[in-house]
Amino acid sequence: MKTLICGSMAYDTIMVFEDRFQNHILPEKIHILSVAFLVSELRRDYRGTAGNIAYNLKMLEGEPLIMATVGHDFSDYRQRLADLNIPQTYIREVADVFTAQAFITTDLDDNQITAFHPGAMNYAHLNQVSDAGEVQFGIVAPDGREGMLLHARQFRELGIPFLFDPGQGLPMFSGPDILEFLDHASYFAVNDYEAQLMAEKTGLSFEQLAGRVKAAIVTRGAEGSMIHVNGSVIHIPAVHPERIEDPTGCGDAYRAGLIYGISKGWPWALTGRLASLMGSIKIAHRGGQNHQLTRVEIANRFEQAFGIPLDS
């Protein structure tokens, strides 16, 4: 099933400071802060919600189609997508702006100082879901605010079921905005903090929000996840990772598992377990797209984790 992934494409530039920020920032001088950190390690990661989800879905041998806006500096990422055989048909390059990117400096205590530039992400509303006539399923993931609202409406108008994933974009939306998304969506997926925030913004209980869609998924980190469907709750266990390296992109990997299971018409208990496994695989690697497994290797890990075949 071809899935249109509406979301962001971004770069992360990560710099490692081999000391502690607290040794160089004087609390009594913070009003005139001027510091420079010599970083011993620097790397650039490919990321963005659309990029991460597509990467994981392709690993599962799904059919991702990315719809995103990027800047004039996208050439490296474009080559990467070509190497991965991920279509770029609906990726729009916006002249004179940069691709969205974060600059992250981290110290020995894993404290972070981050600067984020949305760049081309602010032009997401230029893309039209109707341009991708062959899609059968979609996801609206964190992106430019107007683009997310527009794409949700367009999926609904075209009769294409989709998963709503507000993620870190949730603070951009009011209670009425959230209810509009849920009126359009078939499913939504959030973490436990986002679930609480949605309830507070709308004035409705989470159970009431879940009742507006076919299924609502809540991830809870090491405690697993819960799928609310037909008035009941399916508990999905977490998969113990090989190691805990970096949580960046775990939610996107989880959502790729959801999309794959939904596209196959699998029961929710199986779909949720695949999603849980994908998140566990990702957390053992730095960055959102540096884990590499074949579909067969994923199936083997699934059977080891749950004692049943993936395609049962």
C-alpha atoms as a PDB file:
ATOM      1  CA  MET A   1       0.000   0.000   0.000  1.00  0.00           C
ATOM      2  CA  LYS A   2       1.451   3.365  -1.014  1.00  0.00           C
ATOM      3  CA  THR A   3       1.555   5.709   1.958  1.00  0.00           C
ATOM      4  CA  LEU A   4       1.875   9.475   1.650  1.00  0.00           C
ATOM      5  CA  ILE A   5       4.011  10.767   4.509  1.00  0.00           C
ATOM      6  CA  CYS A   6       3.349  14.461   5.098  1.00  0.00           C
ATOM      7  CA  GLY A   7       5.997  15.789   7.441  1.00  0.00           C
ATOM      8  CA  SER A   8       9.351  17.487   7.750  1.00  0.00           C
ATOM      9  CA  MET A   9      12.738  16.823   6.215  1.00  0.00           C
ATOM     10  CA  ALA A  10      15.637  18.144   8.270  1.00  0.00           C
ATOM     11  CA  TYR A  11      19.298  17.971   9.138  1.00  0.00           C
ATOM     12  CA  ASP A  12      20.743  17.671  12.636  1.00  0.00           C
ATOM     13  CA  THR A  13      24.232  19.010  13.296  1.00  0.00           C
ATOM     14  CA  ILE A  14      25.410  17.503  16.585  1.00  0.00           C
ATOM     15  CA  MET A  15      28.459  18.833  18.427  1.00  0.00           C
ATOM     16  CA  VAL A  16      29.953  17.170  21.497  1.00  0.00           C
ATOM     17  CA  PHE A  17      31.573  19.393  24.123  1.00  0.00           C
ATOM     18  CA  GLU A  18      34.024  17.319  26.193  1.00  0.00           C
ATOM     19  CA  ASP A  19      33.270  19.176  29.408  1.00  0.00           C
ATOM     20  CA  ARG A  20      30.258  20.367  31.381  1.00  0.00           C
ATOM     21  CA  PHE A  21      28.295  23.509  30.597  1.00  0.00           C
ATOM     22  CA  GLN A  22      28.072  24.273  34.317  1.00  0.00           C
ATOM     23  CA  ASN A  23      31.836  24.788  34.424  1.00  0.00           C
ATOM     24  CA  HIS A  24      31.636  27.609  31.889  1.00  0.00           C
ATOM     25  CA  ILE A  25      28.312  29.326  32.561  1.00  0.00           C
ATOM     26  CA  LEU A  26      28.281  31.577  35.615  1.00  0.00           C
ATOM     27  CA  PRO A  27      24.742  31.845  37.049  1.00  0.00           C
ATOM     28  CA  GLU A  28      25.324  35.399  38.285  1.00  0.00           C
ATOM     29  CA  LYS A  29      26.427  36.472  34.779  1.00  0.00           C
ATOM     30  CA  ILE A  30      23.699  34.794  32.763  1.00  0.00           C
ATOM     31  CA  HIS A  31      22.173  38.188  31.876  1.00  0.00           C
ATOM     32  CA  ILE A  32      25.329  38.961  29.856  1.00  0.00           C
ATOM     33  CA  LEU A  33      25.978  35.442  28.633  1.00  0.00           C
ATOM     34  CA  SER A  34      28.737  35.098  26.034  1.00  0.00           C
ATOM     35  CA  VAL A  35      30.363  31.683  25.799  1.00  0.00           C
ATOM     36  CA  ALA A  36      32.071  29.582  23.163  1.00  0.00           C
ATOM     37  CA  PHE A  37      32.539  25.819  23.307  1.00  0.00           C
ATOM     38  CA  LEU A  38      35.349  23.990  21.530  1.00  0.00           C
ATOM     39  CA  VAL A  39      33.771  20.772  20.279  1.00  0.00           C
ATOM     40  CA  SER A  40      35.838  17.668  19.654  1.00  0.00           C
ATOM     41  CA  GLU A  41      33.174  15.765  17.718  1.00  0.00           C
ATOM     42  CA  LEU A  42      30.793  16.913  15.030  1.00  0.00           C
ATOM     43  CA  ARG A  43      28.393  14.925  12.905  1.00  0.00           C
ATOM     44  CA  ARG A  44      25.468  15.629  10.617  1.00  0.00           C
ATOM     45  CA  ASP A  45      22.433  13.366  10.728  1.00  0.00           C
ATOM     46  CA  TYR A  46      19.556  13.047   8.300  1.00  0.00           C
ATOM     47  CA  ARG A  47      16.243  13.432  10.045  1.00  0.00           C
ATOM     48  CA  GLY A  48      12.788  15.033   9.967  1.00  0.00           C
ATOM     49  CA  THR A  49       9.561  13.211  10.714  1.00  0.00           C
ATOM     50  CA  ALA A  50       8.853  12.363   7.078  1.00  0.00           C
ATOM     51  CA  GLY A  51      12.426  11.248   6.451  1.00  0.00           C
ATOM     52  CA  ASN A  52      12.565   9.057   9.552  1.00  0.00           C
ATOM     53  CA  ILE A  53       9.182   7.417   8.989  1.00  0.00           C
ATOM     54  CA  ALA A  54       9.933   6.763   5.318  1.00  0.00           C
ATOM     55  CA  TYR A  55      13.329   5.281   6.195  1.00  0.00           C
ATOM     56  CA  ASN A  56      11.813   2.796   8.646  1.00  0.00           C
ATOM     57  CA  LEU A  57       8.848   1.948   6.425  1.00  0.00           C
ATOM     58  CA  LYS A  58      11.185   1.247   3.519  1.00  0.00           C
ATOM     59  CA  MET A  59      13.194  -1.057   5.791  1.00  0.00           C
ATOM     60  CA  LEU A  60       9.981  -3.024   6.325  1.00  0.00           C
ATOM     61  CA  GLU A  61       9.546  -3.159   2.528  1.00  0.00           C
ATOM     62  CA  GLY A  62       6.614  -0.771   2.641  1.00  0.00           C
ATOM     63  CA  GLU A  63       5.919   1.855  -0.020  1.00  0.00           C
ATOM     64  CA  PRO A  64       6.587   5.333   1.409  1.00  0.00           C
ATOM     65  CA  LEU A  65       5.989   8.504  -0.583  1.00  0.00           C
ATOM     66  CA  ILE A  66       7.327  11.657   1.071  1.00  0.00           C
ATOM     67  CA  MET A  67       5.481  14.964   0.784  1.00  0.00           C
ATOM     68  CA  ALA A  68       7.653  17.731   2.209  1.00  0.00           C
ATOM     69  CA  THR A  69       9.259  21.081   1.484  1.00  0.00           C
ATOM     70  CA  VAL A  70      13.057  21.430   1.484  1.00  0.00           C
ATOM     71  CA  GLY A  71      15.630  24.121   0.811  1.00  0.00           C
ATOM     72  CA  HIS A  72      18.426  24.725  -1.668  1.00  0.00           C
ATOM     73  CA  ASP A  73      20.851  22.739   0.525  1.00  0.00           C
ATOM     74  CA  PHE A  74      18.983  19.451   0.109  1.00  0.00           C
ATOM     75  CA  SER A  75      21.326  17.806  -2.421  1.00  0.00           C
ATOM     76  CA  ASP A  76      23.053  15.461   0.069  1.00  0.00           C
ATOM     77  CA  TYR A  77      19.731  14.274   1.462  1.00  0.00           C
ATOM     78  CA  ARG A  78      18.353  13.910  -2.076  1.00  0.00           C
ATOM     79  CA  GLN A  79      21.216  11.579  -2.975  1.00  0.00           C
ATOM     80  CA  ARG A  80      20.598   9.559   0.186  1.00  0.00           C
ATOM     81  CA  LEU A  81      16.934   9.052  -0.725  1.00  0.00           C
ATOM     82  CA  ALA A  82      17.969   7.982  -4.219  1.00  0.00           C
ATOM     83  CA  ASP A  83      20.396   5.439  -2.744  1.00  0.00           C
ATOM     84  CA  LEU A  84      17.579   4.106  -0.528  1.00  0.00           C
ATOM     85  CA  ASN A  85      15.210   3.958  -3.507  1.00  0.00           C
ATOM     86  CA  ILE A  86      12.694   6.217  -1.776  1.00  0.00           C
ATOM     87  CA  PRO A  87      10.725   8.264  -4.352  1.00  0.00           C
ATOM     88  CA  GLN A  88      11.095  12.049  -4.260  1.00  0.00           C
ATOM     89  CA  THR A  89       8.163  12.901  -6.514  1.00  0.00           C
ATOM     90  CA  TYR A  90       6.352  15.019  -3.925  1.00  0.00           C
ATOM     91  CA  ILE A  91       9.343  16.722  -2.311  1.00  0.00           C
ATOM     92  CA  ARG A  92       9.217  20.407  -3.199  1.00  0.00           C
ATOM     93  CA  GLU A  93      12.390  22.498  -3.181  1.00  0.00           C
ATOM     94  CA  VAL A  94      11.877  26.111  -2.128  1.00  0.00           C
ATOM     95  CA  ALA A  95      14.466  28.535  -3.505  1.00  0.00           C
ATOM     96  CA  ASP A  96      16.447  30.891  -1.261  1.00  0.00           C
ATOM     97  CA  VAL A  97      15.687  29.077   2.001  1.00  0.00           C
ATOM     98  CA  PHE A  98      17.437  26.339   3.938  1.00  0.00           C
ATOM     99  CA  THR A  99      16.113  22.895   4.729  1.00  0.00           C
ATOM    100  CA  ALA A 100      14.897  22.724   8.340  1.00  0.00           C
ATOM    101  CA  GLN A 101      17.775  22.009  10.665  1.00  0.00           C
ATOM    102  CA  ALA A 102      18.791  21.811  14.294  1.00  0.00           C
ATOM    103  CA  PHE A 103      22.172  22.667  15.770  1.00  0.00           C
ATOM    104  CA  ILE A 104      22.707  20.711  18.967  1.00  0.00           C
ATOM    105  CA  THR A 105      25.590  21.054  21.412  1.00  0.00           C
ATOM    106  CA  THR A 106      25.716  18.400  24.126  1.00  0.00           C
ATOM    107  CA  ASP A 107      28.044  18.098  27.123  1.00  0.00           C
ATOM    108  CA  LEU A 108      29.374  15.209  29.202  1.00  0.00           C
ATOM    109  CA  ASP A 109      26.194  15.160  31.312  1.00  0.00           C
ATOM    110  CA  ASP A 110      24.023  14.888  28.185  1.00  0.00           C
ATOM    111  CA  ASN A 111      22.717  18.413  28.694  1.00  0.00           C
ATOM    112  CA  GLN A 112      21.811  20.018  25.387  1.00  0.00           C
ATOM    113  CA  ILE A 113      21.707  23.493  23.907  1.00  0.00           C
ATOM    114  CA  THR A 114      19.658  23.436  20.705  1.00  0.00           C
ATOM    115  CA  ALA A 115      18.878  26.006  18.044  1.00  0.00           C
ATOM    116  CA  PHE A 116      16.233  25.029  15.469  1.00  0.00           C
ATOM    117  CA  HIS A 117      15.609  26.762  12.159  1.00  0.00           C
ATOM    118  CA  PRO A 118      12.360  25.652  10.432  1.00  0.00           C
ATOM    119  CA  GLY A 119      13.367  27.022   7.049  1.00  0.00           C
ATOM    120  CA  ALA A 120      11.503  25.366   4.183  1.00  0.00           C
ATOM    121  CA  MET A 121       9.218  23.560   6.614  1.00  0.00           C
ATOM    122  CA  ASN A 122       7.218  26.791   6.861  1.00  0.00           C
ATOM    123  CA  TYR A 123       6.160  26.308   3.234  1.00  0.00           C
ATOM    124  CA  ALA A 124       4.562  22.874   3.720  1.00  0.00           C
ATOM    125  CA  HIS A 125       1.171  24.328   2.769  1.00  0.00           C
ATOM    126  CA  LEU A 126       2.388  24.663  -0.839  1.00  0.00           C
ATOM    127  CA  ASN A 127       2.043  20.894  -1.246  1.00  0.00           C
ATOM    128  CA  GLN A 128      -1.302  19.370  -2.185  1.00  0.00           C
ATOM    129  CA  VAL A 129      -2.332  15.835  -1.221  1.00  0.00           C
ATOM    130  CA  SER A 130      -4.352  15.625  -4.441  1.00  0.00           C
ATOM    131  CA  ASP A 131      -1.094  15.659  -6.428  1.00  0.00           C
ATOM    132  CA  ALA A 132      -0.402  12.140  -5.128  1.00  0.00           C
ATOM    133  CA  GLY A 133      -3.370  10.411  -6.705  1.00  0.00           C
ATOM    134  CA  GLU A 134      -2.066   6.880  -6.225  1.00  0.00           C
ATOM    135  CA  VAL A 135      -1.899   6.867  -2.407  1.00  0.00           C
ATOM    136  CA  GLN A 136      -4.154   4.655  -0.297  1.00  0.00           C
ATOM    137  CA  PHE A 137      -3.087   5.758   3.179  1.00  0.00           C
ATOM    138  CA  GLY A 138      -1.397   8.753   4.768  1.00  0.00           C
ATOM    139  CA  ILE A 139       0.084  10.307   7.853  1.00  0.00           C
ATOM    140  CA  VAL A 140       0.126  13.930   8.952  1.00  0.00           C
ATOM    141  CA  ALA A 141       3.290  14.238  11.043  1.00  0.00           C
ATOM    142  CA  PRO A 142       4.950  17.334  12.568  1.00  0.00           C
ATOM    143  CA  ASP A 143       5.562  19.949   9.887  1.00  0.00           C
ATOM    144  CA  GLY A 144       4.620  23.559   9.242  1.00  0.00           C
ATOM    145  CA  ARG A 145       1.409  24.486  11.064  1.00  0.00           C
ATOM    146  CA  GLU A 146      -0.647  25.522   8.046  1.00  0.00           C
ATOM    147  CA  GLY A 147       0.595  22.547   6.080  1.00  0.00           C
ATOM    148  CA  MET A 148      -0.539  20.087   8.752  1.00  0.00           C
ATOM    149  CA  LEU A 149      -4.028  21.591   8.917  1.00  0.00           C
ATOM    150  CA  LEU A 150      -4.330  21.719   5.130  1.00  0.00           C
ATOM    151  CA  HIS A 151      -3.142  18.170   4.526  1.00  0.00           C
ATOM    152  CA  ALA A 152      -5.535  16.758   7.142  1.00  0.00           C
ATOM    153  CA  ARG A 153      -8.457  18.491   5.409  1.00  0.00           C
ATOM    154  CA  GLN A 154      -7.307  17.284   2.003  1.00  0.00           C
ATOM    155  CA  PHE A 155      -6.977  13.651   3.113  1.00  0.00           C
ATOM    156  CA  ARG A 156     -10.530  13.844   4.445  1.00  0.00           C
ATOM    157  CA  GLU A 157     -11.880  15.474   1.274  1.00  0.00           C
ATOM    158  CA  LEU A 158     -10.240  12.785  -0.873  1.00  0.00           C
ATOM    159  CA  GLY A 159     -11.497   9.954   1.344  1.00  0.00           C
ATOM    160  CA  ILE A 160      -7.989   8.762   2.173  1.00  0.00           C
ATOM    161  CA  PRO A 161      -7.615   7.355   5.707  1.00  0.00           C
ATOM    162  CA  PHE A 162      -4.683   8.773   7.652  1.00  0.00           C
ATOM    163  CA  LEU A 163      -2.854   8.704  10.955  1.00  0.00           C
ATOM    164  CA  PHE A 164      -2.548  12.003  12.826  1.00  0.00           C
ATOM    165  CA  ASP A 165       0.784  12.375  14.632  1.00  0.00           C
ATOM    166  CA  PRO A 166       1.044  15.821  16.283  1.00  0.00           C
ATOM    167  CA  GLY A 167       4.298  15.092  18.108  1.00  0.00           C
ATOM    168  CA  GLN A 168       6.390  18.130  18.987  1.00  0.00           C
ATOM    169  CA  GLY A 169       4.094  20.253  16.839  1.00  0.00           C
ATOM    170  CA  LEU A 170       1.243  19.889  19.319  1.00  0.00           C
ATOM    171  CA  PRO A 171       1.865  23.233  21.109  1.00  0.00           C
ATOM    172  CA  MET A 172       1.104  25.027  17.818  1.00  0.00           C
ATOM    173  CA  PHE A 173      -2.543  23.957  17.913  1.00  0.00           C
ATOM    174  CA  SER A 174      -5.536  25.072  19.965  1.00  0.00           C
ATOM    175  CA  GLY A 175      -8.203  22.783  21.361  1.00  0.00           C
ATOM    176  CA  PRO A 176     -10.534  23.408  18.375  1.00  0.00           C
ATOM    177  CA  ASP A 177      -7.627  22.697  15.985  1.00  0.00           C
ATOM    178  CA  ILE A 178      -7.015  19.336  17.657  1.00  0.00           C
ATOM    179  CA  LEU A 179     -10.672  18.397  17.443  1.00  0.00           C
ATOM    180  CA  GLU A 180     -10.666  19.290  13.763  1.00  0.00           C
ATOM    181  CA  PHE A 181      -7.705  16.971  13.196  1.00  0.00           C
ATOM    182  CA  LEU A 182      -9.509  14.142  14.998  1.00  0.00           C
ATOM    183  CA  ASP A 183     -12.682  14.727  12.993  1.00  0.00           C
ATOM    184  CA  HIS A 184     -10.635  14.187   9.828  1.00  0.00           C
ATOM    185  CA  ALA A 185      -8.299  11.412  10.954  1.00  0.00           C
ATOM    186  CA  SER A 186      -8.889   7.668  11.151  1.00  0.00           C
ATOM    187  CA  TYR A 187      -6.216   7.160  13.842  1.00  0.00           C
ATOM    188  CA  PHE A 188      -3.902   9.225  16.018  1.00  0.00           C
ATOM    189  CA  ALA A 189      -0.679   8.422  17.854  1.00  0.00           C
ATOM    190  CA  VAL A 190       0.887  10.374  20.734  1.00  0.00           C
ATOM    191  CA  ASN A 191       3.135   9.801  23.728  1.00  0.00           C
ATOM    192  CA  ASP A 192       1.739   9.939  27.246  1.00  0.00           C
ATOM    193  CA  TYR A 193       2.692  13.593  27.774  1.00  0.00           C
ATOM    194  CA  GLU A 194       1.066  14.607  24.490  1.00  0.00           C
ATOM    195  CA  ALA A 195      -2.062  12.635  25.425  1.00  0.00           C
ATOM    196  CA  GLN A 196      -2.394  14.677  28.608  1.00  0.00           C
ATOM    197  CA  LEU A 197      -1.746  17.933  26.753  1.00  0.00           C
ATOM    198  CA  MET A 198      -4.430  17.105  24.175  1.00  0.00           C
ATOM    199  CA  ALA A 199      -6.928  16.477  26.958  1.00  0.00           C
ATOM    200  CA  GLU A 200      -6.062  19.764  28.660  1.00  0.00           C
ATOM    201  CA  LYS A 201      -6.295  21.777  25.436  1.00  0.00           C
ATOM    202  CA  THR A 202      -9.647  20.306  24.388  1.00  0.00           C
ATOM    203  CA  GLY A 203     -11.251  19.971  27.812  1.00  0.00           C
ATOM    204  CA  LEU A 204     -12.132  16.352  27.005  1.00  0.00           C
ATOM    205  CA  SER A 205     -10.895  13.165  28.607  1.00  0.00           C
ATOM    206  CA  PHE A 206      -8.489  11.050  26.627  1.00  0.00           C
ATOM    207  CA  GLU A 207     -11.154   8.355  26.377  1.00  0.00           C
ATOM    208  CA  GLN A 208     -13.471  10.884  24.739  1.00  0.00           C
ATOM    209  CA  LEU A 209     -10.746  11.899  22.297  1.00  0.00           C
ATOM    210  CA  ALA A 210      -9.998   8.259  21.471  1.00  0.00           C
ATOM    211  CA  GLY A 211     -13.685   7.699  20.759  1.00  0.00           C
ATOM    212  CA  ARG A 212     -13.552  10.162  17.875  1.00  0.00           C
ATOM    213  CA  VAL A 213     -11.264   7.897  15.797  1.00  0.00           C
ATOM    214  CA  LYS A 214     -11.011   4.216  14.913  1.00  0.00           C
ATOM    215  CA  ALA A 215      -7.961   3.774  17.141  1.00  0.00           C
ATOM    216  CA  ALA A 216      -5.782   5.944  19.375  1.00  0.00           C
ATOM    217  CA  ILE A 217      -2.251   4.904  20.282  1.00  0.00           C
ATOM    218  CA  VAL A 218      -0.323   6.122  23.326  1.00  0.00           C
ATOM    219  CA  THR A 219       3.365   5.293  23.746  1.00  0.00           C
ATOM    220  CA  ARG A 220       4.855   5.179  27.243  1.00  0.00           C
ATOM    221  CA  GLY A 221       8.555   4.532  26.702  1.00  0.00           C
ATOM    222  CA  ALA A 222       9.899   1.566  28.636  1.00  0.00           C
ATOM    223  CA  GLU A 223       6.379   0.825  29.902  1.00  0.00           C
ATOM    224  CA  GLY A 224       5.212  -0.097  26.403  1.00  0.00           C
ATOM    225  CA  SER A 225       2.176   1.378  24.694  1.00  0.00           C
ATOM    226  CA  MET A 226      -1.601   1.239  24.723  1.00  0.00           C
ATOM    227  CA  ILE A 227      -3.993   1.049  21.807  1.00  0.00           C
ATOM    228  CA  HIS A 228      -7.500   2.348  22.474  1.00  0.00           C
ATOM    229  CA  VAL A 229      -9.933   0.762  20.053  1.00  0.00           C
ATOM    230  CA  ASN A 230     -13.684   0.043  20.202  1.00  0.00           C
ATOM    231  CA  GLY A 231     -13.896   1.153  23.828  1.00  0.00           C
ATOM    232  CA  SER A 232     -11.202  -1.256  25.018  1.00  0.00           C
ATOM    233  CA  VAL A 233      -7.458  -0.989  25.572  1.00  0.00           C
ATOM    234  CA  ILE A 234      -4.822  -3.304  24.124  1.00  0.00           C
ATOM    235  CA  HIS A 235      -1.583  -3.259  26.100  1.00  0.00           C
ATOM    236  CA  ILE A 236       1.574  -3.617  24.010  1.00  0.00           C
ATOM    237  CA  PRO A 237       4.774  -4.599  25.837  1.00  0.00           C
ATOM    238  CA  ALA A 238       8.030  -2.763  25.256  1.00  0.00           C
ATOM    239  CA  VAL A 239      10.882  -4.675  23.641  1.00  0.00           C
ATOM    240  CA  HIS A 240      14.126  -4.625  25.619  1.00  0.00           C
ATOM    241  CA  PRO A 241      16.716  -2.953  23.358  1.00  0.00           C
ATOM    242  CA  GLU A 242      20.238  -4.184  22.769  1.00  0.00           C
ATOM    243  CA  ARG A 243      21.371  -0.933  24.400  1.00  0.00           C
ATOM    244  CA  ILE A 244      20.003   2.535  25.003  1.00  0.00           C
ATOM    245  CA  GLU A 245      21.964   4.905  22.800  1.00  0.00           C
ATOM    246  CA  ASP A 246      19.654   7.692  21.620  1.00  0.00           C
ATOM    247  CA  PRO A 247      15.847   8.110  21.754  1.00  0.00           C
ATOM    248  CA  THR A 248      15.822  10.530  18.797  1.00  0.00           C
ATOM    249  CA  GLY A 249      13.487   9.157  16.131  1.00  0.00           C
ATOM    250  CA  CYS A 250      12.081   6.281  18.188  1.00  0.00           C
ATOM    251  CA  GLY A 251       8.551   7.623  17.820  1.00  0.00           C
ATOM    252  CA  ASP A 252       8.974   7.826  14.057  1.00  0.00           C
ATOM    253  CA  ALA A 253      10.205   4.227  13.912  1.00  0.00           C
ATOM    254  CA  TYR A 254       7.208   3.179  16.017  1.00  0.00           C
ATOM    255  CA  ARG A 255       4.843   4.955  13.619  1.00  0.00           C
ATOM    256  CA  ALA A 256       6.386   3.200  10.648  1.00  0.00           C
ATOM    257  CA  GLY A 257       5.499  -0.085  12.331  1.00  0.00           C
ATOM    258  CA  LEU A 258       1.931   1.128  12.850  1.00  0.00           C
ATOM    259  CA  ILE A 259       1.610   2.156   9.218  1.00  0.00           C
ATOM    260  CA  TYR A 260       2.937  -1.166   7.999  1.00  0.00           C
ATOM    261  CA  GLY A 261       0.554  -3.181  10.148  1.00  0.00           C
ATOM    262  CA  ILE A 262      -2.432  -1.036   9.185  1.00  0.00           C
ATOM    263  CA  SER A 263      -1.538  -1.391   5.495  1.00  0.00           C
ATOM    264  CA  LYS A 264      -1.510  -5.158   5.898  1.00  0.00           C
ATOM    265  CA  GLY A 265      -4.828  -5.244   7.745  1.00  0.00           C
ATOM    266  CA  TRP A 266      -3.182  -6.897  10.748  1.00  0.00           C
ATOM    267  CA  PRO A 267      -4.879  -7.089  14.162  1.00  0.00           C
ATOM    268  CA  TRP A 268      -3.849  -4.317  16.525  1.00  0.00           C
ATOM    269  CA  ALA A 269      -2.012  -6.633  18.909  1.00  0.00           C
ATOM    270  CA  LEU A 270       0.344  -7.658  16.092  1.00  0.00           C
ATOM    271  CA  THR A 271       0.631  -4.161  14.626  1.00  0.00           C
ATOM    272  CA  GLY A 272       1.474  -2.657  18.027  1.00  0.00           C
ATOM    273  CA  ARG A 273       4.139  -5.271  18.681  1.00  0.00           C
ATOM    274  CA  LEU A 274       5.852  -4.554  15.374  1.00  0.00           C
ATOM    275  CA  ALA A 275       5.778  -0.832  16.191  1.00  0.00           C
ATOM    276  CA  SER A 276       7.259  -1.544  19.620  1.00  0.00           C
ATOM    277  CA  LEU A 277      10.052  -3.586  18.058  1.00  0.00           C
ATOM    278  CA  MET A 278      10.886  -0.845  15.545  1.00  0.00           C
ATOM    279  CA  GLY A 279      11.256   1.686  18.345  1.00  0.00           C
ATOM    280  CA  SER A 280      13.503  -0.714  20.258  1.00  0.00           C
ATOM    281  CA  ILE A 281      15.733  -1.251  17.241  1.00  0.00           C
ATOM    282  CA  LYS A 282      16.122   2.492  16.702  1.00  0.00           C
ATOM    283  CA  ILE A 283      16.986   3.414  20.291  1.00  0.00           C
ATOM    284  CA  ALA A 284      20.158   1.312  20.108  1.00  0.00           C
ATOM    285  CA  HIS A 285      21.650   3.651  17.479  1.00  0.00           C
ATOM    286  CA  ARG A 286      22.610   7.318  17.330  1.00  0.00           C
ATOM    287  CA  GLY A 287      20.467   9.493  15.096  1.00  0.00           C
ATOM    288  CA  GLY A 288      17.130   8.768  13.480  1.00  0.00           C
ATOM    289  CA  GLN A 289      18.344   6.852  10.424  1.00  0.00           C
ATOM    290  CA  ASN A 290      21.536   4.999  11.321  1.00  0.00           C
ATOM    291  CA  HIS A 291      20.058   1.570  12.076  1.00  0.00           C
ATOM    292  CA  GLN A 292      20.147  -0.903   9.185  1.00  0.00           C
ATOM    293  CA  LEU A 293      18.271  -4.209   9.134  1.00  0.00           C
ATOM    294  CA  THR A 294      16.665  -6.292   6.444  1.00  0.00           C
ATOM    295  CA  ARG A 295      13.020  -7.319   6.503  1.00  0.00           C
ATOM    296  CA  VAL A 296      14.134 -10.860   7.335  1.00  0.00           C
ATOM    297  CA  GLU A 297      16.269  -9.664  10.252  1.00  0.00           C
ATOM    298  CA  ILE A 298      13.336  -7.646  11.604  1.00  0.00           C
ATOM    299  CA  ALA A 299      11.097 -10.723  11.351  1.00  0.00           C
ATOM    300  CA  ASN A 300      13.668 -12.806  13.225  1.00  0.00           C
ATOM    301  CA  ARG A 301      13.902 -10.245  16.009  1.00  0.00           C
ATOM    302  CA  PHE A 302      10.125 -10.095  16.218  1.00  0.00           C
ATOM    303  CA  GLU A 303       9.882 -13.844  16.760  1.00  0.00           C
ATOM    304  CA  GLN A 304      12.658 -13.739  19.360  1.00  0.00           C
ATOM    305  CA  ALA A 305      10.886 -10.927  21.235  1.00  0.00           C
ATOM    306  CA  PHE A 306       7.319 -12.242  21.135  1.00  0.00           C
ATOM    307  CA  GLY A 307       7.549 -15.938  20.362  1.00  0.00           C
ATOM    308  CA  ILE A 308       5.317 -15.713  17.268  1.00  0.00           C
ATOM    309  CA  PRO A 309       6.106 -15.219  13.581  1.00  0.00           C
ATOM    310  CA  LEU A 310       5.770 -11.669  12.303  1.00  0.00           C
ATOM    311  CA  ASP A 311       3.558 -12.719   9.410  1.00  0.00           C
ATOM    312  CA  SER A 312       1.347 -15.060  11.434  1.00  0.00           C
END
